[in-house]
């Protein structure tokens, strides 16, 4: 739990201004989704707790034409990166 609280503070709360309790709860829910569904965890082999690691790209043609998309969450405080289909 201490690791989650430290991550939440460092990655979320240090970078935003919260206006009220409702805004705090919204930000915490978004961070929880980000933490459990997208953010890579070193202890899990770079997988998120609720998502498996994608298959590695071994084809050189795919590596050259790699297209990555970024999705901003919480007004740009959190960023999700994914391969474009």
C-alpha atoms as a PDB file:
ATOM      1  CA  UNK A   1       0.000   0.000   0.000  1.00  0.00           C
ATOM      2  CA  UNK A   2       2.877   2.354   0.763  1.00  0.00           C
ATOM      3  CA  UNK A   3       4.205   1.937  -2.778  1.00  0.00           C
ATOM      4  CA  UNK A   4       0.797   2.823  -4.259  1.00  0.00           C
ATOM      5  CA  UNK A   5       0.463   5.900  -2.059  1.00  0.00           C
ATOM      6  CA  UNK A   6       3.972   7.066  -2.974  1.00  0.00           C
ATOM      7  CA  UNK A   7       3.306   6.510  -6.683  1.00  0.00           C
ATOM      8  CA  UNK A   8      -0.024   8.311  -6.475  1.00  0.00           C
ATOM      9  CA  UNK A   9       1.538  11.252  -4.702  1.00  0.00           C
ATOM     10  CA  UNK A  10       4.550  11.498  -7.013  1.00  0.00           C
ATOM     11  CA  UNK A  11       2.768  10.876 -10.337  1.00  0.00           C
ATOM     12  CA  UNK A  12      -0.583  12.533  -9.660  1.00  0.00           C
ATOM     13  CA  UNK A  13      -0.900  14.771  -6.635  1.00  0.00           C
ATOM     14  CA  UNK A  14       2.426  16.589  -7.023  1.00  0.00           C
ATOM     15  CA  UNK A  15       1.399  17.664 -10.524  1.00  0.00           C
ATOM     16  CA  UNK A  16      -2.159  18.912 -10.103  1.00  0.00           C
ATOM     17  CA  UNK A  17      -4.234  21.347  -8.120  1.00  0.00           C
ATOM     18  CA  UNK A  18      -7.363  19.805  -6.627  1.00  0.00           C
ATOM     19  CA  UNK A  19     -10.352  22.091  -6.204  1.00  0.00           C
ATOM     20  CA  UNK A  20     -12.607  20.076  -3.910  1.00  0.00           C
ATOM     21  CA  UNK A  21     -13.389  16.588  -2.628  1.00  0.00           C
ATOM     22  CA  UNK A  22     -15.314  15.651  -5.788  1.00  0.00           C
ATOM     23  CA  UNK A  23     -12.337  16.595  -7.947  1.00  0.00           C
ATOM     24  CA  UNK A  24     -10.025  14.585  -5.671  1.00  0.00           C
ATOM     25  CA  UNK A  25     -12.197  11.459  -5.975  1.00  0.00           C
ATOM     26  CA  UNK A  26     -12.360  11.832  -9.766  1.00  0.00           C
ATOM     27  CA  UNK A  27      -8.565  12.163  -9.999  1.00  0.00           C
ATOM     28  CA  UNK A  28      -8.019   9.157  -7.709  1.00  0.00           C
ATOM     29  CA  UNK A  29     -10.412   6.980  -9.756  1.00  0.00           C
ATOM     30  CA  UNK A  30      -8.630   7.917 -12.988  1.00  0.00           C
ATOM     31  CA  UNK A  31      -5.240   7.241 -11.421  1.00  0.00           C
ATOM     32  CA  UNK A  32      -6.418   3.870 -10.099  1.00  0.00           C
ATOM     33  CA  UNK A  33      -7.580   2.850 -13.602  1.00  0.00           C
ATOM     34  CA  UNK A  34      -4.279   4.056 -15.069  1.00  0.00           C
ATOM     35  CA  UNK A  35      -2.258   2.252 -12.377  1.00  0.00           C
ATOM     36  CA  UNK A  36      -4.073  -1.092 -12.731  1.00  0.00           C
ATOM     37  CA  UNK A  37      -4.776  -1.190 -16.475  1.00  0.00           C
ATOM     38  CA  UNK A  38      -1.980   0.635 -18.232  1.00  0.00           C
ATOM     39  CA  UNK A  39       1.055   1.602 -16.142  1.00  0.00           C
ATOM     40  CA  UNK A  40       3.957  -0.849 -16.417  1.00  0.00           C
ATOM     41  CA  UNK A  41       5.133  -2.456 -13.188  1.00  0.00           C
ATOM     42  CA  UNK A  42       8.734  -3.627 -12.830  1.00  0.00           C
ATOM     43  CA  UNK A  43       7.821  -6.420 -10.396  1.00  0.00           C
ATOM     44  CA  UNK A  44       5.392  -7.891 -12.965  1.00  0.00           C
ATOM     45  CA  UNK A  45       7.798  -7.979 -15.900  1.00  0.00           C
ATOM     46  CA  UNK A  46       6.591  -4.594 -17.250  1.00  0.00           C
ATOM     47  CA  UNK A  47       2.933  -5.709 -17.247  1.00  0.00           C
ATOM     48  CA  UNK A  48       0.064  -3.910 -15.565  1.00  0.00           C
ATOM     49  CA  UNK A  49      -1.810  -5.857 -12.864  1.00  0.00           C
ATOM     50  CA  UNK A  50      -4.951  -6.204 -14.995  1.00  0.00           C
ATOM     51  CA  UNK A  51      -3.248  -6.526 -18.402  1.00  0.00           C
ATOM     52  CA  UNK A  52      -0.725  -8.966 -19.846  1.00  0.00           C
ATOM     53  CA  UNK A  53       2.483  -7.949 -21.580  1.00  0.00           C
ATOM     54  CA  UNK A  54       1.986  -7.606 -25.349  1.00  0.00           C
ATOM     55  CA  UNK A  55       3.887  -9.934 -27.636  1.00  0.00           C
ATOM     56  CA  UNK A  56       7.306  -8.570 -28.617  1.00  0.00           C
ATOM     57  CA  UNK A  57       7.754  -7.178 -32.114  1.00  0.00           C
ATOM     58  CA  UNK A  58      10.484  -9.204 -33.811  1.00  0.00           C
ATOM     59  CA  UNK A  59       9.844  -8.355 -37.474  1.00  0.00           C
ATOM     60  CA  UNK A  60      12.307  -5.615 -38.555  1.00  0.00           C
ATOM     61  CA  UNK A  61       9.712  -4.156 -40.959  1.00  0.00           C
ATOM     62  CA  UNK A  62       7.284  -3.562 -38.100  1.00  0.00           C
ATOM     63  CA  UNK A  63       9.979  -1.972 -35.942  1.00  0.00           C
ATOM     64  CA  UNK A  64      10.881   0.525 -38.675  1.00  0.00           C
ATOM     65  CA  UNK A  65       7.244   1.526 -39.229  1.00  0.00           C
ATOM     66  CA  UNK A  66       6.309   1.588 -35.544  1.00  0.00           C
ATOM     67  CA  UNK A  67       3.432   3.989 -34.965  1.00  0.00           C
ATOM     68  CA  UNK A  68       2.814   4.938 -31.353  1.00  0.00           C
ATOM     69  CA  UNK A  69      -0.168   6.895 -30.074  1.00  0.00           C
ATOM     70  CA  UNK A  70      -0.363   8.859 -26.866  1.00  0.00           C
ATOM     71  CA  UNK A  71      -3.544   9.398 -24.886  1.00  0.00           C
ATOM     72  CA  UNK A  72      -3.528  12.083 -22.228  1.00  0.00           C
ATOM     73  CA  UNK A  73      -5.506  11.505 -19.055  1.00  0.00           C
ATOM     74  CA  UNK A  74      -6.431  14.015 -16.382  1.00  0.00           C
ATOM     75  CA  UNK A  75      -5.588  16.984 -18.557  1.00  0.00           C
ATOM     76  CA  UNK A  76      -2.164  15.699 -19.553  1.00  0.00           C
ATOM     77  CA  UNK A  77      -0.843  14.679 -16.128  1.00  0.00           C
ATOM     78  CA  UNK A  78      -0.945  10.982 -17.042  1.00  0.00           C
ATOM     79  CA  UNK A  79       0.009   9.625 -20.471  1.00  0.00           C
ATOM     80  CA  UNK A  80      -0.908   6.268 -22.009  1.00  0.00           C
ATOM     81  CA  UNK A  81       1.140   5.024 -24.939  1.00  0.00           C
ATOM     82  CA  UNK A  82       0.029   2.273 -27.301  1.00  0.00           C
ATOM     83  CA  UNK A  83       0.799   0.857 -30.717  1.00  0.00           C
ATOM     84  CA  UNK A  84      -1.544   2.105 -33.409  1.00  0.00           C
ATOM     85  CA  UNK A  85      -3.364  -0.668 -35.226  1.00  0.00           C
END
